[in-house]
Amino acid sequence: MDLERLEVQFDGPVARIWLNRPQSRNAFDGLMVTELRKTLFDLRTVDGVRVVVLGGRGPSFCAGADLQWMRATASFSLEENLREAQALADLFFTVYESPKPVVARVHGAALGGGAGLVAACDIPVAALGTQFGFTEVRLGILPAVISPYVIAKIGESSARELFLTGERFESVRAQEIGLVRAAVPEADLDAAVEGRVQELLKAGPRAIAEAKALIREVAFRRVEDVQRYTVERIAEVRASPEGQEGMRAFLEKRKPYWVP
């Protein structure tokens, strides 16, 4: 697929996806949504890729929705709006349920859907001074399709404040409420991202995929409802080739085969 809105680089086991509309601060339009979802979906089956890093070219990570795109959607029928909303929802879900861990490299601004994209990623790392905001209500609309991922990260209390006011906040607060995992000086951003990548590469690829599935299955459910599921999962993974290799490597005091 020829990409107009993205740049994709492969660095050994790491795929780096760059939102590449710097002149528009990497704002979403229909084509970017389509390209990003398909790229992430296709990477699911690329065995050589173990970690995905998502970043933005130019001054910002992602400033939300493109103004021209918003202007067009303002005249859409209900059916057309449903199709556009479903495409966005599909994108965020593809990020969220990717079997490959997704690290976000966030700088400049992550507003509206851009902040939702951060929330859907596994490990977002932000530069100090980055502007965040769920600004939809200030346009008379809702942060609807991003809400499952954002509320899971920041909780109901913070969502009640930030969704209802639409106010902007910086990366230190984003870390305090759990939207990002680290807030570092911009000069240190790449090093911080690479630190997360290297930690992920120490883990078994299948184990990471299974751990992500485990989190999705167990989160927000009662212990008694998931106990049998957790018993079955650990038993199956322990018996798998990767599980056996990991335990042997630990006992033999060596690195397992997946560690670079």
C-alpha atoms as a PDB file:
ATOM      1  CA  MET A   1       0.000   0.000   0.000  1.00  0.00           C
ATOM      2  CA  ASP A   2       1.399   3.403  -1.000  1.00  0.00           C
ATOM      3  CA  LEU A   3       1.210   5.718   1.998  1.00  0.00           C
ATOM      4  CA  GLU A   4       0.434   9.422   1.704  1.00  0.00           C
ATOM      5  CA  ARG A   5      -0.173  10.236   5.370  1.00  0.00           C
ATOM      6  CA  LEU A   6       2.341   7.970   7.097  1.00  0.00           C
ATOM      7  CA  GLU A   7       6.009   7.086   7.047  1.00  0.00           C
ATOM      8  CA  VAL A   8       6.953   3.571   8.156  1.00  0.00           C
ATOM      9  CA  GLN A   9      10.479   2.513   9.087  1.00  0.00           C
ATOM     10  CA  PHE A  10      11.707  -0.931  10.091  1.00  0.00           C
ATOM     11  CA  ASP A  11      14.558  -1.061  12.582  1.00  0.00           C
ATOM     12  CA  GLY A  12      15.235  -4.728  13.285  1.00  0.00           C
ATOM     13  CA  PRO A  13      12.330  -5.962  15.442  1.00  0.00           C
ATOM     14  CA  VAL A  14      10.884  -2.441  15.786  1.00  0.00           C
ATOM     15  CA  ALA A  15       8.384  -0.856  13.366  1.00  0.00           C
ATOM     16  CA  ARG A  16       8.290   2.933  13.619  1.00  0.00           C
ATOM     17  CA  ILE A  17       5.127   4.547  12.290  1.00  0.00           C
ATOM     18  CA  TRP A  18       5.220   8.313  11.835  1.00  0.00           C
ATOM     19  CA  LEU A  19       2.099  10.382  11.300  1.00  0.00           C
ATOM     20  CA  ASN A  20       3.376  12.481   8.425  1.00  0.00           C
ATOM     21  CA  ARG A  21       1.248  15.569   7.904  1.00  0.00           C
ATOM     22  CA  PRO A  22       3.500  18.069   9.680  1.00  0.00           C
ATOM     23  CA  GLN A  23       1.926  21.045   7.934  1.00  0.00           C
ATOM     24  CA  SER A  24      -1.405  20.086   9.560  1.00  0.00           C
ATOM     25  CA  ARG A  25       0.140  19.075  12.897  1.00  0.00           C
ATOM     26  CA  ASN A  26      -0.710  15.484  11.937  1.00  0.00           C
ATOM     27  CA  ALA A  27      -4.441  16.077  12.225  1.00  0.00           C
ATOM     28  CA  PHE A  28      -6.677  13.163  11.297  1.00  0.00           C
ATOM     29  CA  ASP A  29      -8.511  12.999   8.022  1.00  0.00           C
ATOM     30  CA  GLY A  30     -10.225  10.044   6.414  1.00  0.00           C
ATOM     31  CA  LEU A  31      -7.138   8.930   4.531  1.00  0.00           C
ATOM     32  CA  MET A  32      -4.890   9.041   7.598  1.00  0.00           C
ATOM     33  CA  VAL A  33      -7.417   7.006   9.564  1.00  0.00           C
ATOM     34  CA  THR A  34      -7.566   4.393   6.802  1.00  0.00           C
ATOM     35  CA  GLU A  35      -3.794   4.186   6.321  1.00  0.00           C
ATOM     36  CA  LEU A  36      -2.998   3.976  10.031  1.00  0.00           C
ATOM     37  CA  ARG A  37      -5.560   1.282  10.717  1.00  0.00           C
ATOM     38  CA  LYS A  38      -4.447  -0.848   7.752  1.00  0.00           C
ATOM     39  CA  THR A  39      -0.754  -0.449   8.604  1.00  0.00           C
ATOM     40  CA  LEU A  40      -1.279  -1.492  12.216  1.00  0.00           C
ATOM     41  CA  PHE A  41      -3.547  -4.354  11.163  1.00  0.00           C
ATOM     42  CA  ASP A  42      -1.008  -5.646   8.638  1.00  0.00           C
ATOM     43  CA  LEU A  43       1.823  -5.524  11.208  1.00  0.00           C
ATOM     44  CA  ARG A  44      -0.060  -8.034  13.365  1.00  0.00           C
ATOM     45  CA  THR A  45       1.155 -10.854  11.148  1.00  0.00           C
ATOM     46  CA  VAL A  46       4.733  -9.666  10.532  1.00  0.00           C
ATOM     47  CA  ASP A  47       6.707 -12.113  12.677  1.00  0.00           C
ATOM     48  CA  GLY A  48       9.892 -10.064  12.591  1.00  0.00           C
ATOM     49  CA  VAL A  49       8.181  -7.059  14.184  1.00  0.00           C
ATOM     50  CA  ARG A  50       7.926  -7.234  17.969  1.00  0.00           C
ATOM     51  CA  VAL A  51       7.348  -3.616  18.993  1.00  0.00           C
ATOM     52  CA  VAL A  52       5.572  -0.719  17.290  1.00  0.00           C
ATOM     53  CA  VAL A  53       6.559   2.901  18.015  1.00  0.00           C
ATOM     54  CA  LEU A  54       4.023   5.533  16.984  1.00  0.00           C
ATOM     55  CA  GLY A  55       5.134   9.141  16.635  1.00  0.00           C
ATOM     56  CA  GLY A  56       4.446  12.330  14.716  1.00  0.00           C
ATOM     57  CA  ARG A  57       6.602  14.280  12.289  1.00  0.00           C
ATOM     58  CA  GLY A  58       6.880  18.029  12.720  1.00  0.00           C
ATOM     59  CA  PRO A  59       5.813  20.135  15.715  1.00  0.00           C
ATOM     60  CA  SER A  60       3.068  17.888  17.135  1.00  0.00           C
ATOM     61  CA  PHE A  61       2.073  14.283  17.698  1.00  0.00           C
ATOM     62  CA  CYS A  62      -1.537  14.746  16.578  1.00  0.00           C
ATOM     63  CA  ALA A  63      -3.707  17.847  16.874  1.00  0.00           C
ATOM     64  CA  GLY A  64      -7.014  15.990  16.531  1.00  0.00           C
ATOM     65  CA  ALA A  65      -9.319  16.245  13.532  1.00  0.00           C
ATOM     66  CA  ASP A  66      -8.380  18.076  10.352  1.00  0.00           C
ATOM     67  CA  LEU A  67     -10.397  21.282   9.864  1.00  0.00           C
ATOM     68  CA  GLN A  68     -11.309  20.472   6.271  1.00  0.00           C
ATOM     69  CA  TRP A  69     -12.435  17.013   7.326  1.00  0.00           C
ATOM     70  CA  MET A  70     -14.508  18.501  10.152  1.00  0.00           C
ATOM     71  CA  ARG A  71     -16.030  21.001   7.727  1.00  0.00           C
ATOM     72  CA  ALA A  72     -17.045  18.153   5.431  1.00  0.00           C
ATOM     73  CA  THR A  73     -18.509  16.019   8.210  1.00  0.00           C
ATOM     74  CA  ALA A  74     -20.629  18.965   9.405  1.00  0.00           C
ATOM     75  CA  SER A  75     -22.849  18.452   6.357  1.00  0.00           C
ATOM     76  CA  PHE A  76     -22.945  14.642   6.554  1.00  0.00           C
ATOM     77  CA  SER A  77     -26.169  12.713   6.975  1.00  0.00           C
ATOM     78  CA  LEU A  78     -26.619  10.480  10.010  1.00  0.00           C
ATOM     79  CA  GLU A  79     -25.622   7.443   7.945  1.00  0.00           C
ATOM     80  CA  GLU A  80     -22.444   9.153   6.712  1.00  0.00           C
ATOM     81  CA  ASN A  81     -21.581  10.231  10.241  1.00  0.00           C
ATOM     82  CA  LEU A  82     -22.061   6.666  11.424  1.00  0.00           C
ATOM     83  CA  ARG A  83     -19.599   5.408   8.797  1.00  0.00           C
ATOM     84  CA  GLU A  84     -16.985   8.017   9.723  1.00  0.00           C
ATOM     85  CA  ALA A  85     -17.395   7.341  13.443  1.00  0.00           C
ATOM     86  CA  GLN A  86     -17.113   3.589  12.861  1.00  0.00           C
ATOM     87  CA  ALA A  87     -13.879   4.077  10.912  1.00  0.00           C
ATOM     88  CA  LEU A  88     -12.395   6.038  13.820  1.00  0.00           C
ATOM     89  CA  ALA A  89     -13.629   3.500  16.350  1.00  0.00           C
ATOM     90  CA  ASP A  90     -12.054   0.712  14.288  1.00  0.00           C
ATOM     91  CA  LEU A  91      -8.732   2.572  14.264  1.00  0.00           C
ATOM     92  CA  PHE A  92      -8.584   3.022  18.037  1.00  0.00           C
ATOM     93  CA  PHE A  93      -9.590  -0.599  18.612  1.00  0.00           C
ATOM     94  CA  THR A  94      -6.890  -1.794  16.201  1.00  0.00           C
ATOM     95  CA  VAL A  95      -4.283   0.117  18.222  1.00  0.00           C
ATOM     96  CA  TYR A  96      -5.671  -1.150  21.516  1.00  0.00           C
ATOM     97  CA  GLU A  97      -5.887  -4.821  20.657  1.00  0.00           C
ATOM     98  CA  SER A  98      -2.692  -5.080  18.624  1.00  0.00           C
ATOM     99  CA  PRO A  99      -0.778  -8.203  19.726  1.00  0.00           C
ATOM    100  CA  LYS A 100       2.397  -6.154  19.316  1.00  0.00           C
ATOM    101  CA  PRO A 101       3.009  -3.615  22.101  1.00  0.00           C
ATOM    102  CA  VAL A 102       2.549  -0.026  20.915  1.00  0.00           C
ATOM    103  CA  VAL A 103       4.763   2.688  22.412  1.00  0.00           C
ATOM    104  CA  ALA A 104       3.655   6.269  21.727  1.00  0.00           C
ATOM    105  CA  ARG A 105       6.250   9.022  21.288  1.00  0.00           C
ATOM    106  CA  VAL A 106       4.237  12.135  22.125  1.00  0.00           C
ATOM    107  CA  HIS A 107       5.305  15.752  21.719  1.00  0.00           C
ATOM    108  CA  GLY A 108       3.871  19.158  20.934  1.00  0.00           C
ATOM    109  CA  ALA A 109       0.158  18.467  21.182  1.00  0.00           C
ATOM    110  CA  ALA A 110      -2.215  15.513  21.436  1.00  0.00           C
ATOM    111  CA  LEU A 111      -5.732  16.898  21.283  1.00  0.00           C
ATOM    112  CA  GLY A 112      -9.139  15.312  20.796  1.00  0.00           C
ATOM    113  CA  GLY A 113      -8.646  12.149  18.772  1.00  0.00           C
ATOM    114  CA  GLY A 114      -4.883  12.612  19.152  1.00  0.00           C
ATOM    115  CA  ALA A 115      -5.271  12.267  22.923  1.00  0.00           C
ATOM    116  CA  GLY A 116      -7.490   9.262  22.303  1.00  0.00           C
ATOM    117  CA  LEU A 117      -4.779   7.700  20.167  1.00  0.00           C
ATOM    118  CA  VAL A 118      -2.350   8.158  23.076  1.00  0.00           C
ATOM    119  CA  ALA A 119      -4.823   6.427  25.402  1.00  0.00           C
ATOM    120  CA  ALA A 120      -5.214   3.456  23.065  1.00  0.00           C
ATOM    121  CA  CYS A 121      -1.439   2.855  23.017  1.00  0.00           C
ATOM    122  CA  ASP A 122       0.155   0.573  25.596  1.00  0.00           C
ATOM    123  CA  ILE A 123       3.025   2.754  26.811  1.00  0.00           C
ATOM    124  CA  PRO A 124       2.831   6.459  25.947  1.00  0.00           C
ATOM    125  CA  VAL A 125       5.887   8.595  26.722  1.00  0.00           C
ATOM    126  CA  ALA A 126       5.522  12.380  26.441  1.00  0.00           C
ATOM    127  CA  ALA A 127       7.831  15.362  26.230  1.00  0.00           C
ATOM    128  CA  LEU A 128       7.434  17.955  28.957  1.00  0.00           C
ATOM    129  CA  GLY A 129       5.228  20.797  27.816  1.00  0.00           C
ATOM    130  CA  THR A 130       3.106  18.646  25.506  1.00  0.00           C
ATOM    131  CA  GLN A 131      -0.479  19.924  25.387  1.00  0.00           C
ATOM    132  CA  PHE A 132      -3.303  17.424  25.893  1.00  0.00           C
ATOM    133  CA  GLY A 133      -7.029  17.961  25.825  1.00  0.00           C
ATOM    134  CA  PHE A 134     -10.352  16.258  25.255  1.00  0.00           C
ATOM    135  CA  THR A 135     -11.640  19.384  23.594  1.00  0.00           C
ATOM    136  CA  GLU A 136     -14.692  17.989  21.814  1.00  0.00           C
ATOM    137  CA  VAL A 137     -17.322  19.589  24.077  1.00  0.00           C
ATOM    138  CA  ARG A 138     -16.006  23.021  23.157  1.00  0.00           C
ATOM    139  CA  LEU A 139     -17.094  22.225  19.597  1.00  0.00           C
ATOM    140  CA  GLY A 140     -20.473  20.939  20.762  1.00  0.00           C
ATOM    141  CA  ILE A 141     -19.562  17.287  20.175  1.00  0.00           C
ATOM    142  CA  LEU A 142     -18.381  14.357  22.291  1.00  0.00           C
ATOM    143  CA  PRO A 143     -15.155  12.385  22.907  1.00  0.00           C
ATOM    144  CA  ALA A 144     -17.269   9.322  22.254  1.00  0.00           C
ATOM    145  CA  VAL A 145     -15.262   6.712  20.343  1.00  0.00           C
ATOM    146  CA  ILE A 146     -12.106   7.430  22.362  1.00  0.00           C
ATOM    147  CA  SER A 147     -13.904   7.241  25.708  1.00  0.00           C
ATOM    148  CA  PRO A 148     -13.407   3.504  26.451  1.00  0.00           C
ATOM    149  CA  TYR A 149      -9.632   3.859  26.155  1.00  0.00           C
ATOM    150  CA  VAL A 150      -9.353   7.205  27.908  1.00  0.00           C
ATOM    151  CA  ILE A 151     -11.567   6.285  30.866  1.00  0.00           C
ATOM    152  CA  ALA A 152      -9.668   3.006  31.270  1.00  0.00           C
ATOM    153  CA  LYS A 153      -6.454   5.050  31.555  1.00  0.00           C
ATOM    154  CA  ILE A 154      -7.515   8.079  33.615  1.00  0.00           C
ATOM    155  CA  GLY A 155     -10.597   6.839  35.503  1.00  0.00           C
ATOM    156  CA  GLU A 156     -14.074   8.275  35.856  1.00  0.00           C
ATOM    157  CA  SER A 157     -13.139  11.136  38.182  1.00  0.00           C
ATOM    158  CA  SER A 158     -10.569  12.716  35.855  1.00  0.00           C
ATOM    159  CA  ALA A 159     -12.793  12.052  32.846  1.00  0.00           C
ATOM    160  CA  ARG A 160     -15.659  13.927  34.485  1.00  0.00           C
ATOM    161  CA  GLU A 161     -13.480  17.008  34.815  1.00  0.00           C
ATOM    162  CA  LEU A 162     -11.566  16.857  31.536  1.00  0.00           C
ATOM    163  CA  PHE A 163     -14.364  15.615  29.271  1.00  0.00           C
ATOM    164  CA  LEU A 164     -16.819  18.199  30.616  1.00  0.00           C
ATOM    165  CA  THR A 165     -14.539  21.241  30.590  1.00  0.00           C
ATOM    166  CA  GLY A 166     -12.567  20.419  27.450  1.00  0.00           C
ATOM    167  CA  GLU A 167      -9.642  22.218  29.065  1.00  0.00           C
ATOM    168  CA  ARG A 168      -6.047  21.657  28.025  1.00  0.00           C
ATOM    169  CA  PHE A 169      -3.411  20.244  30.346  1.00  0.00           C
ATOM    170  CA  GLU A 170       0.280  19.453  30.096  1.00  0.00           C
ATOM    171  CA  SER A 171       2.260  16.235  30.231  1.00  0.00           C
ATOM    172  CA  VAL A 172       3.055  16.357  33.956  1.00  0.00           C
ATOM    173  CA  ARG A 173      -0.641  16.175  34.725  1.00  0.00           C
ATOM    174  CA  ALA A 174      -1.133  13.583  31.984  1.00  0.00           C
ATOM    175  CA  GLN A 175       1.348  11.402  33.851  1.00  0.00           C
ATOM    176  CA  GLU A 176      -0.310  12.061  37.213  1.00  0.00           C
ATOM    177  CA  ILE A 177      -3.699  10.854  35.945  1.00  0.00           C
ATOM    178  CA  GLY A 178      -2.255   7.873  34.055  1.00  0.00           C
ATOM    179  CA  LEU A 179      -2.744   9.020  30.463  1.00  0.00           C
ATOM    180  CA  VAL A 180       1.010   8.734  29.830  1.00  0.00           C
ATOM    181  CA  ARG A 181       3.569   6.603  31.620  1.00  0.00           C
ATOM    182  CA  ALA A 182       6.411   9.145  31.649  1.00  0.00           C
ATOM    183  CA  ALA A 183       6.941  12.864  31.062  1.00  0.00           C
ATOM    184  CA  VAL A 184      10.533  13.771  30.188  1.00  0.00           C
ATOM    185  CA  PRO A 185      12.438  16.747  28.762  1.00  0.00           C
ATOM    186  CA  GLU A 186      12.033  16.826  24.991  1.00  0.00           C
ATOM    187  CA  ALA A 187      15.777  16.290  24.539  1.00  0.00           C
ATOM    188  CA  ASP A 188      15.400  12.999  26.401  1.00  0.00           C
ATOM    189  CA  LEU A 189      12.250  11.816  24.621  1.00  0.00           C
ATOM    190  CA  ASP A 190      13.893   9.459  22.140  1.00  0.00           C
ATOM    191  CA  ALA A 191      16.076   7.914  24.843  1.00  0.00           C
ATOM    192  CA  ALA A 192      13.026   7.366  27.061  1.00  0.00           C
ATOM    193  CA  VAL A 193      11.125   5.723  24.212  1.00  0.00           C
ATOM    194  CA  GLU A 194      14.080   3.484  23.392  1.00  0.00           C
ATOM    195  CA  GLY A 195      14.328   2.489  27.036  1.00  0.00           C
ATOM    196  CA  ARG A 196      10.741   1.225  26.911  1.00  0.00           C
ATOM    197  CA  VAL A 197      11.411  -0.558  23.612  1.00  0.00           C
ATOM    198  CA  GLN A 198      14.445  -2.371  25.020  1.00  0.00           C
ATOM    199  CA  GLU A 199      12.480  -3.513  28.065  1.00  0.00           C
ATOM    200  CA  LEU A 200       9.743  -4.892  25.804  1.00  0.00           C
ATOM    201  CA  LEU A 201      12.290  -6.782  23.701  1.00  0.00           C
ATOM    202  CA  LYS A 202      13.338  -8.718  26.811  1.00  0.00           C
ATOM    203  CA  ALA A 203       9.887 -10.301  27.017  1.00  0.00           C
ATOM    204  CA  GLY A 204       8.664 -13.246  24.999  1.00  0.00           C
ATOM    205  CA  PRO A 205       6.685 -12.132  21.915  1.00  0.00           C
ATOM    206  CA  ARG A 206       3.884 -14.598  22.525  1.00  0.00           C
ATOM    207  CA  ALA A 207       3.861 -13.788  26.225  1.00  0.00           C
ATOM    208  CA  ILE A 208       3.312 -10.113  25.458  1.00  0.00           C
ATOM    209  CA  ALA A 209       0.422 -10.878  23.119  1.00  0.00           C
ATOM    210  CA  GLU A 210      -1.111 -13.206  25.698  1.00  0.00           C
ATOM    211  CA  ALA A 211      -0.592 -10.627  28.462  1.00  0.00           C
ATOM    212  CA  LYS A 212      -2.437  -8.003  26.441  1.00  0.00           C
ATOM    213  CA  ALA A 213      -5.307 -10.420  25.853  1.00  0.00           C
ATOM    214  CA  LEU A 214      -5.310 -11.261  29.572  1.00  0.00           C
ATOM    215  CA  ILE A 215      -5.656  -7.599  30.521  1.00  0.00           C
ATOM    216  CA  ARG A 216      -8.561  -7.106  28.117  1.00  0.00           C
ATOM    217  CA  GLU A 217     -10.343 -10.173  29.474  1.00  0.00           C
ATOM    218  CA  VAL A 218      -9.790  -9.550  33.191  1.00  0.00           C
ATOM    219  CA  ALA A 219     -10.112  -5.774  33.530  1.00  0.00           C
ATOM    220  CA  PHE A 220     -13.320  -4.606  35.243  1.00  0.00           C
ATOM    221  CA  ARG A 221     -14.587  -8.127  35.948  1.00  0.00           C
ATOM    222  CA  ARG A 222     -15.053  -9.879  39.261  1.00  0.00           C
ATOM    223  CA  VAL A 223     -12.283 -12.212  40.397  1.00  0.00           C
ATOM    224  CA  GLU A 224     -14.644 -15.159  40.642  1.00  0.00           C
ATOM    225  CA  ASP A 225     -15.786 -14.621  37.042  1.00  0.00           C
ATOM    226  CA  VAL A 226     -12.283 -14.851  35.584  1.00  0.00           C
ATOM    227  CA  GLN A 227     -10.571 -17.309  37.906  1.00  0.00           C
ATOM    228  CA  ARG A 228     -10.987 -20.320  35.634  1.00  0.00           C
ATOM    229  CA  TYR A 229      -9.868 -18.315  32.609  1.00  0.00           C
ATOM    230  CA  THR A 230      -6.656 -17.223  34.380  1.00  0.00           C
ATOM    231  CA  VAL A 231      -5.899 -20.788  35.505  1.00  0.00           C
ATOM    232  CA  GLU A 232      -6.273 -22.076  31.953  1.00  0.00           C
ATOM    233  CA  ARG A 233      -4.189 -19.293  30.445  1.00  0.00           C
ATOM    234  CA  ILE A 234      -1.165 -19.745  32.711  1.00  0.00           C
ATOM    235  CA  ALA A 235      -1.265 -23.527  32.304  1.00  0.00           C
ATOM    236  CA  GLU A 236      -1.363 -23.278  28.500  1.00  0.00           C
ATOM    237  CA  VAL A 237       1.359 -20.644  28.269  1.00  0.00           C
ATOM    238  CA  ARG A 238       3.660 -22.492  30.692  1.00  0.00           C
ATOM    239  CA  ALA A 239       3.385 -25.570  28.481  1.00  0.00           C
ATOM    240  CA  SER A 240       4.073 -23.637  25.255  1.00  0.00           C
ATOM    241  CA  PRO A 241       7.516 -23.711  23.568  1.00  0.00           C
ATOM    242  CA  GLU A 242       8.112 -20.086  24.509  1.00  0.00           C
ATOM    243  CA  GLY A 243       7.114 -20.695  28.108  1.00  0.00           C
ATOM    244  CA  GLN A 244       9.349 -23.744  28.327  1.00  0.00           C
ATOM    245  CA  GLU A 245      12.289 -21.843  26.816  1.00  0.00           C
ATOM    246  CA  GLY A 246      11.832 -18.927  29.193  1.00  0.00           C
ATOM    247  CA  MET A 247      11.823 -21.141  32.266  1.00  0.00           C
ATOM    248  CA  ARG A 248      14.816 -23.179  31.033  1.00  0.00           C
ATOM    249  CA  ALA A 249      16.781 -20.012  30.302  1.00  0.00           C
ATOM    250  CA  PHE A 250      16.057 -18.676  33.777  1.00  0.00           C
ATOM    251  CA  LEU A 251      17.138 -21.912  35.461  1.00  0.00           C
ATOM    252  CA  GLU A 252      20.223 -22.188  33.253  1.00  0.00           C
ATOM    253  CA  LYS A 253      21.103 -18.507  33.906  1.00  0.00           C
ATOM    254  CA  ARG A 254      21.163 -17.541  30.237  1.00  0.00           C
ATOM    255  CA  LYS A 255      19.146 -15.289  27.963  1.00  0.00           C
ATOM    256  CA  PRO A 256      16.146 -16.817  26.159  1.00  0.00           C
ATOM    257  CA  TYR A 257      16.345 -16.880  22.376  1.00  0.00           C
ATOM    258  CA  TRP A 258      14.139 -13.826  21.893  1.00  0.00           C
ATOM    259  CA  VAL A 259      16.408 -11.397  23.756  1.00  0.00           C
ATOM    260  CA  PRO A 260      18.628  -9.455  21.286  1.00  0.00           C
END
